[in-house]
């Protein structure tokens, strides 16, 4: 997960980064992102399609630095 959230260059050894994540499926990642932004939530990245994963995702951290993902499955082509 470290490369997906822009954390690949962090000083910690790679075996200790992003070992766990809480993932929530939402109806629409972009709407969830905008809703949380208006409430002052800081995100790590912006909603992004991840075709290899089959989903559109966005990531943030909770106050204890736990990684959280919101995702919406991509529609089949």
N, C-alpha and C. Protein backbone atom coordinates (compact mmCIF):
# COMPACT_ATOMS: atom_id res chain seq x y z
N UNK A 1 0.81 -1.20 0.00
CA UNK A 1 0.00 0.00 0.00
C UNK A 1 0.85 1.26 0.00
N UNK A 2 2.08 1.18 0.48
CA UNK A 2 2.91 2.39 0.58
C UNK A 2 3.00 3.15 -0.74
N UNK A 3 3.28 2.51 -1.86
CA UNK A 3 3.34 3.27 -3.12
C UNK A 3 1.99 3.89 -3.50
N UNK A 4 0.90 3.22 -3.22
CA UNK A 4 -0.43 3.71 -3.60
C UNK A 4 -0.80 4.98 -2.86
N UNK A 5 -0.25 5.18 -1.67
CA UNK A 5 -0.58 6.38 -0.88
C UNK A 5 0.60 7.35 -0.81
N UNK A 6 1.57 7.18 -1.72
CA UNK A 6 2.68 8.11 -1.79
C UNK A 6 3.64 8.03 -0.63
N UNK A 7 3.80 6.85 -0.07
CA UNK A 7 4.60 6.67 1.13
C UNK A 7 5.82 5.77 0.87
N UNK A 8 6.18 5.55 -0.37
CA UNK A 8 7.25 4.61 -0.70
C UNK A 8 8.62 5.11 -0.28
N UNK A 9 8.80 6.41 -0.12
CA UNK A 9 10.12 6.96 0.21
C UNK A 9 10.30 7.25 1.70
N UNK A 10 9.34 6.88 2.52
CA UNK A 10 9.43 7.13 3.96
C UNK A 10 10.64 6.42 4.56
N UNK A 11 11.21 6.98 5.60
CA UNK A 11 12.43 6.45 6.20
C UNK A 11 12.26 5.07 6.84
N UNK A 12 11.07 4.71 7.25
CA UNK A 12 10.86 3.41 7.87
C UNK A 12 11.17 2.30 6.88
N UNK A 13 11.67 1.17 7.35
CA UNK A 13 11.85 0.03 6.44
C UNK A 13 10.51 -0.35 5.82
N UNK A 14 10.52 -0.75 4.57
CA UNK A 14 9.27 -1.02 3.86
C UNK A 14 8.43 -2.10 4.53
N UNK A 15 9.06 -3.02 5.24
CA UNK A 15 8.31 -4.06 5.93
C UNK A 15 7.47 -3.55 7.08
N UNK A 16 7.67 -2.30 7.50
CA UNK A 16 6.94 -1.74 8.63
C UNK A 16 5.90 -0.71 8.20
N UNK A 17 5.81 -0.41 6.92
CA UNK A 17 4.87 0.61 6.45
C UNK A 17 3.58 -0.01 5.97
N UNK A 18 2.51 0.65 6.31
CA UNK A 18 1.18 0.31 5.78
C UNK A 18 0.88 -1.18 5.88
N UNK A 19 1.06 -1.73 7.06
CA UNK A 19 0.82 -3.16 7.26
C UNK A 19 -0.66 -3.48 7.42
N UNK A 20 -1.46 -2.49 7.74
CA UNK A 20 -2.90 -2.73 7.85
C UNK A 20 -3.66 -1.49 7.37
N UNK A 21 -4.91 -1.75 7.01
CA UNK A 21 -5.74 -0.67 6.51
C UNK A 21 -7.19 -1.07 6.76
N UNK A 22 -8.01 -0.09 7.04
CA UNK A 22 -9.44 -0.31 7.13
C UNK A 22 -10.04 0.20 5.83
N UNK A 23 -10.83 -0.63 5.18
CA UNK A 23 -11.38 -0.29 3.87
C UNK A 23 -12.90 -0.31 3.94
N UNK A 24 -13.52 0.75 3.42
CA UNK A 24 -14.97 0.88 3.43
C UNK A 24 -15.48 1.04 2.00
N UNK A 25 -16.43 0.20 1.61
CA UNK A 25 -17.07 0.40 0.32
C UNK A 25 -18.13 1.48 0.47
N UNK A 26 -18.08 2.46 -0.41
CA UNK A 26 -19.07 3.54 -0.42
C UNK A 26 -19.76 3.55 -1.77
N UNK A 27 -20.94 4.14 -1.82
CA UNK A 27 -21.70 4.17 -3.07
C UNK A 27 -20.99 4.96 -4.15
N UNK A 28 -20.36 6.08 -3.76
CA UNK A 28 -19.67 6.94 -4.73
C UNK A 28 -18.47 7.58 -4.04
N UNK A 29 -17.27 7.16 -4.41
CA UNK A 29 -16.05 7.67 -3.78
C UNK A 29 -15.94 9.19 -3.90
N UNK A 30 -16.26 9.72 -5.07
CA UNK A 30 -16.11 11.16 -5.29
C UNK A 30 -17.04 11.96 -4.39
N UNK A 31 -18.27 11.49 -4.22
CA UNK A 31 -19.20 12.18 -3.33
C UNK A 31 -18.75 12.08 -1.88
N UNK A 32 -18.30 10.90 -1.46
CA UNK A 32 -17.80 10.75 -0.09
C UNK A 32 -16.61 11.66 0.15
N UNK A 33 -15.70 11.72 -0.81
CA UNK A 33 -14.53 12.58 -0.72
C UNK A 33 -14.95 14.04 -0.53
N UNK A 34 -15.87 14.52 -1.37
CA UNK A 34 -16.32 15.91 -1.27
C UNK A 34 -17.02 16.18 0.06
N UNK A 35 -17.84 15.25 0.51
CA UNK A 35 -18.54 15.42 1.79
C UNK A 35 -17.56 15.55 2.94
N UNK A 36 -16.57 14.67 2.98
CA UNK A 36 -15.59 14.72 4.07
C UNK A 36 -14.68 15.94 3.96
N UNK A 37 -14.36 16.36 2.74
CA UNK A 37 -13.55 17.58 2.57
C UNK A 37 -14.25 18.78 3.18
N UNK A 38 -15.56 18.89 2.97
CA UNK A 38 -16.30 20.04 3.52
C UNK A 38 -16.34 20.02 5.04
N UNK A 39 -16.08 18.85 5.62
CA UNK A 39 -16.03 18.73 7.09
C UNK A 39 -14.62 18.90 7.64
N UNK A 40 -13.66 19.22 6.75
CA UNK A 40 -12.29 19.49 7.18
C UNK A 40 -11.38 18.27 7.24
N UNK A 41 -11.82 17.14 6.70
CA UNK A 41 -10.98 15.94 6.71
C UNK A 41 -9.88 16.10 5.66
N UNK A 42 -8.64 15.79 6.06
CA UNK A 42 -7.49 15.85 5.15
C UNK A 42 -7.26 14.47 4.55
N UNK A 43 -7.17 14.41 3.23
CA UNK A 43 -6.93 13.16 2.53
C UNK A 43 -5.47 13.06 2.09
N UNK A 44 -4.99 11.84 1.93
CA UNK A 44 -3.63 11.58 1.46
C UNK A 44 -3.56 11.81 -0.05
N UNK A 45 -4.64 11.43 -0.74
CA UNK A 45 -4.67 11.56 -2.19
C UNK A 45 -6.08 11.94 -2.62
N UNK A 46 -6.29 12.03 -3.91
CA UNK A 46 -7.61 12.32 -4.46
C UNK A 46 -8.17 11.03 -5.04
N UNK A 47 -9.49 10.96 -5.24
CA UNK A 47 -10.07 9.75 -5.82
C UNK A 47 -9.36 9.37 -7.12
N UNK A 48 -9.02 8.09 -7.21
CA UNK A 48 -8.23 7.59 -8.32
C UNK A 48 -8.74 6.23 -8.76
N UNK A 49 -8.87 6.03 -10.06
CA UNK A 49 -9.21 4.71 -10.58
C UNK A 49 -7.99 3.80 -10.45
N UNK A 50 -8.21 2.60 -9.94
CA UNK A 50 -7.18 1.58 -9.85
C UNK A 50 -7.69 0.37 -10.62
N UNK A 51 -7.53 0.39 -11.96
CA UNK A 51 -8.09 -0.70 -12.78
C UNK A 51 -7.62 -2.09 -12.38
N UNK A 52 -6.36 -2.21 -11.99
CA UNK A 52 -5.84 -3.53 -11.60
C UNK A 52 -6.52 -4.04 -10.33
N UNK A 53 -7.01 -3.12 -9.50
CA UNK A 53 -7.72 -3.49 -8.27
C UNK A 53 -9.21 -3.63 -8.50
N UNK A 54 -9.69 -3.07 -9.63
CA UNK A 54 -11.12 -3.11 -9.94
C UNK A 54 -11.93 -2.12 -9.14
N UNK A 55 -11.29 -1.04 -8.71
CA UNK A 55 -12.03 -0.07 -7.89
C UNK A 55 -11.47 1.34 -8.03
N UNK A 56 -12.27 2.30 -7.62
CA UNK A 56 -11.87 3.70 -7.50
C UNK A 56 -11.68 3.94 -6.01
N UNK A 57 -10.56 4.55 -5.63
CA UNK A 57 -10.20 4.64 -4.21
C UNK A 57 -9.75 6.05 -3.83
N UNK A 58 -9.81 6.31 -2.53
CA UNK A 58 -9.21 7.49 -1.93
C UNK A 58 -8.78 7.09 -0.52
N UNK A 59 -7.70 7.72 -0.02
CA UNK A 59 -7.13 7.33 1.27
C UNK A 59 -6.98 8.51 2.21
N UNK A 60 -7.10 8.21 3.49
CA UNK A 60 -6.89 9.19 4.55
C UNK A 60 -6.33 8.47 5.77
N UNK A 61 -5.99 9.24 6.79
CA UNK A 61 -5.53 8.66 8.06
C UNK A 61 -6.41 9.17 9.18
N UNK A 62 -6.66 8.30 10.14
CA UNK A 62 -7.41 8.74 11.32
C UNK A 62 -6.44 9.44 12.27
N UNK A 63 -6.92 9.98 13.39
CA UNK A 63 -6.04 10.72 14.30
C UNK A 63 -4.87 9.89 14.86
N UNK A 64 -4.98 8.56 14.82
CA UNK A 64 -3.89 7.71 15.30
C UNK A 64 -3.01 7.22 14.16
N UNK A 65 -3.14 7.82 12.97
CA UNK A 65 -2.34 7.52 11.79
C UNK A 65 -2.65 6.17 11.14
N UNK A 66 -3.81 5.58 11.45
CA UNK A 66 -4.22 4.36 10.77
C UNK A 66 -4.68 4.72 9.36
N UNK A 67 -4.33 3.89 8.41
CA UNK A 67 -4.71 4.12 7.02
C UNK A 67 -6.15 3.66 6.78
N UNK A 68 -6.93 4.53 6.14
CA UNK A 68 -8.33 4.24 5.82
C UNK A 68 -8.52 4.43 4.33
N UNK A 69 -9.26 3.52 3.74
CA UNK A 69 -9.57 3.60 2.31
C UNK A 69 -11.08 3.60 2.12
N UNK A 70 -11.55 4.49 1.25
CA UNK A 70 -12.92 4.43 0.75
C UNK A 70 -12.82 3.93 -0.68
N UNK A 71 -13.69 3.01 -1.09
CA UNK A 71 -13.63 2.51 -2.45
C UNK A 71 -15.02 2.28 -3.02
N UNK A 72 -15.08 2.37 -4.33
CA UNK A 72 -16.27 2.01 -5.09
C UNK A 72 -15.79 1.09 -6.22
N UNK A 73 -16.41 -0.07 -6.38
CA UNK A 73 -16.01 -0.95 -7.47
C UNK A 73 -16.19 -0.25 -8.82
N UNK A 74 -15.25 -0.48 -9.71
CA UNK A 74 -15.37 0.05 -11.08
C UNK A 74 -16.38 -0.79 -11.84
N UNK A 75 -17.11 -0.13 -12.71
CA UNK A 75 -18.09 -0.85 -13.52
C UNK A 75 -17.33 -1.63 -14.60
N UNK A 76 -17.76 -2.86 -14.87
CA UNK A 76 -17.11 -3.65 -15.92
C UNK A 76 -17.23 -2.93 -17.27
N UNK A 77 -16.19 -3.06 -18.06
CA UNK A 77 -16.19 -2.43 -19.39
C UNK A 77 -16.91 -3.28 -20.39
